[in-house]
C-alpha atoms as a PDB file:
ATOM      1  CA  MET A   1      20.338 -10.819  -9.441  1.00  0.00           C
ATOM      2  CA  ALA A   2      17.619 -13.461 -10.672  1.00  0.00           C
ATOM      3  CA  ARG A   3      14.209 -13.613  -8.887  1.00  0.00           C
ATOM      4  CA  LYS A   4      13.052 -17.032  -7.583  1.00  0.00           C
ATOM      5  CA  LYS A   5      10.230 -17.979  -8.981  1.00  0.00           C
ATOM      6  CA  PRO A   6       7.200 -19.797  -6.856  1.00  0.00           C
ATOM      7  CA  TYR A   7       7.288 -23.117  -6.291  1.00  0.00           C
ATOM      8  CA  PRO A   8       4.802 -26.141  -4.835  1.00  0.00           C
ATOM      9  CA  VAL A   9       4.765 -25.935  -0.649  1.00  0.00           C
ATOM     10  CA  LYS A  10       3.237 -28.872   1.098  1.00  0.00           C
ATOM     11  CA  VAL A  11       0.594 -27.643   3.569  1.00  0.00           C
ATOM     12  CA  ARG A  12      -2.492 -28.836   5.520  1.00  0.00           C
ATOM     13  CA  ASP A  13      -5.797 -28.228   3.939  1.00  0.00           C
ATOM     14  CA  PRO A  14      -8.032 -27.218   7.047  1.00  0.00           C
ATOM     15  CA  THR A  15     -11.517 -27.416   5.147  1.00  0.00           C
ATOM     16  CA  THR A  16     -10.565 -31.192   4.315  1.00  0.00           C
ATOM     17  CA  GLY A  17      -7.800 -32.337   6.435  1.00  0.00           C
ATOM     18  CA  GLU A  18      -5.640 -33.447   3.827  1.00  0.00           C
ATOM     19  CA  GLU A  19      -2.249 -32.855   2.585  1.00  0.00           C
ATOM     20  CA  VAL A  20      -1.920 -31.104  -0.551  1.00  0.00           C
ATOM     21  CA  GLU A  21       1.319 -29.339  -2.574  1.00  0.00           C
ATOM     22  CA  LEU A  22      -0.107 -25.848  -3.871  1.00  0.00           C
ATOM     23  CA  VAL A  23       1.438 -22.435  -4.882  1.00  0.00           C
ATOM     24  CA  PRO A  24       0.017 -19.698  -2.541  1.00  0.00           C
ATOM     25  CA  LEU A  25      -1.553 -16.581  -4.196  1.00  0.00           C
ATOM     26  CA  LYS A  26       0.210 -14.403  -2.170  1.00  0.00           C
ATOM     27  CA  VAL A  27       3.273 -14.548   0.736  1.00  0.00           C
ATOM     28  CA  TRP A  28       4.149 -11.905   3.242  1.00  0.00           C
ATOM     29  CA  PRO A  29       6.154 -11.560   6.357  1.00  0.00           C
ATOM     30  CA  LEU A  30       4.642 -11.831   9.816  1.00  0.00           C
ATOM     31  CA  ALA A  31       6.718 -10.630  12.738  1.00  0.00           C
ATOM     32  CA  PRO A  32       6.086  -8.686  15.828  1.00  0.00           C
ATOM     33  CA  LYS A  33       8.336  -5.739  16.486  1.00  0.00           C
ATOM     34  CA  GLY A  34      11.733  -5.894  17.429  1.00  0.00           C
ATOM     35  CA  ARG A  35      11.531 -10.087  16.732  1.00  0.00           C
ATOM     36  CA  LYS A  36      12.064 -12.892  14.010  1.00  0.00           C
ATOM     37  CA  GLY A  37       8.852 -13.887  12.349  1.00  0.00           C
ATOM     38  CA  VAL A  38       7.559 -16.152  10.004  1.00  0.00           C
ATOM     39  CA  LYS A  39       6.447 -15.971   6.246  1.00  0.00           C
ATOM     40  CA  ILE A  40       2.675 -16.361   6.071  1.00  0.00           C
ATOM     41  CA  GLY A  41       1.046 -17.768   2.644  1.00  0.00           C
ATOM     42  CA  LEU A  42      -2.126 -17.153   1.474  1.00  0.00           C
ATOM     43  CA  PHE A  43      -3.556 -20.774  -0.292  1.00  0.00           C
ATOM     44  CA  LYS A  44      -7.218 -21.599  -1.728  1.00  0.00           C
ATOM     45  CA  SER A  45      -8.232 -24.772  -1.395  1.00  0.00           C
ATOM     46  CA  PRO A  46      -9.126 -26.817  -4.461  1.00  0.00           C
ATOM     47  CA  LYS A  47     -11.669 -29.078  -3.532  1.00  0.00           C
ATOM     48  CA  THR A  48     -13.803 -26.981  -1.474  1.00  0.00           C
ATOM     49  CA  GLY A  49     -12.646 -23.525  -2.959  1.00  0.00           C
ATOM     50  CA  LYS A  50     -11.840 -21.650   0.361  1.00  0.00           C
ATOM     51  CA  THR A  51      -8.804 -19.512   0.983  1.00  0.00           C
ATOM     52  CA  PHE A  52      -6.608 -20.325   3.831  1.00  0.00           C
ATOM     53  CA  ARG A  53      -3.311 -18.912   5.412  1.00  0.00           C
ATOM     54  CA  ALA A  54      -0.509 -21.142   6.259  1.00  0.00           C
ATOM     55  CA  LYS A  55       3.082 -20.975   7.293  1.00  0.00           C
ATOM     56  CA  VAL A  56       5.706 -21.098   4.142  1.00  0.00           C
ATOM     57  CA  PRO A  57       9.349 -21.714   4.565  1.00  0.00           C
ATOM     58  CA  ASP A  58      11.888 -18.358   5.167  1.00  0.00           C
ATOM     59  CA  ASP A  59      13.253 -18.802   2.313  1.00  0.00           C
ATOM     60  CA  TYR A  60      10.432 -18.679   0.054  1.00  0.00           C
ATOM     61  CA  PRO A  61      10.249 -15.403  -2.181  1.00  0.00           C
ATOM     62  CA  ILE A  62       7.572 -12.722  -1.753  1.00  0.00           C
ATOM     63  CA  ILE A  63       4.051 -12.689  -3.430  1.00  0.00           C
ATOM     64  CA  LYS A  64       2.369  -9.375  -3.664  1.00  0.00           C
END
């Protein structure tokens, strides 16, 4: 089975307030015990260099 490659996701950069397309540095599931959760991605702002977290699609591959 082939692994999916990371692809850009459209997210809002909280440091500048702009919508940008970025590939996350890391992706992990975030779920409370016994309930369905979401996938969170770690992104780096291209303008300020600060990192931020944002939700990614549920079918996005996990990146460690």
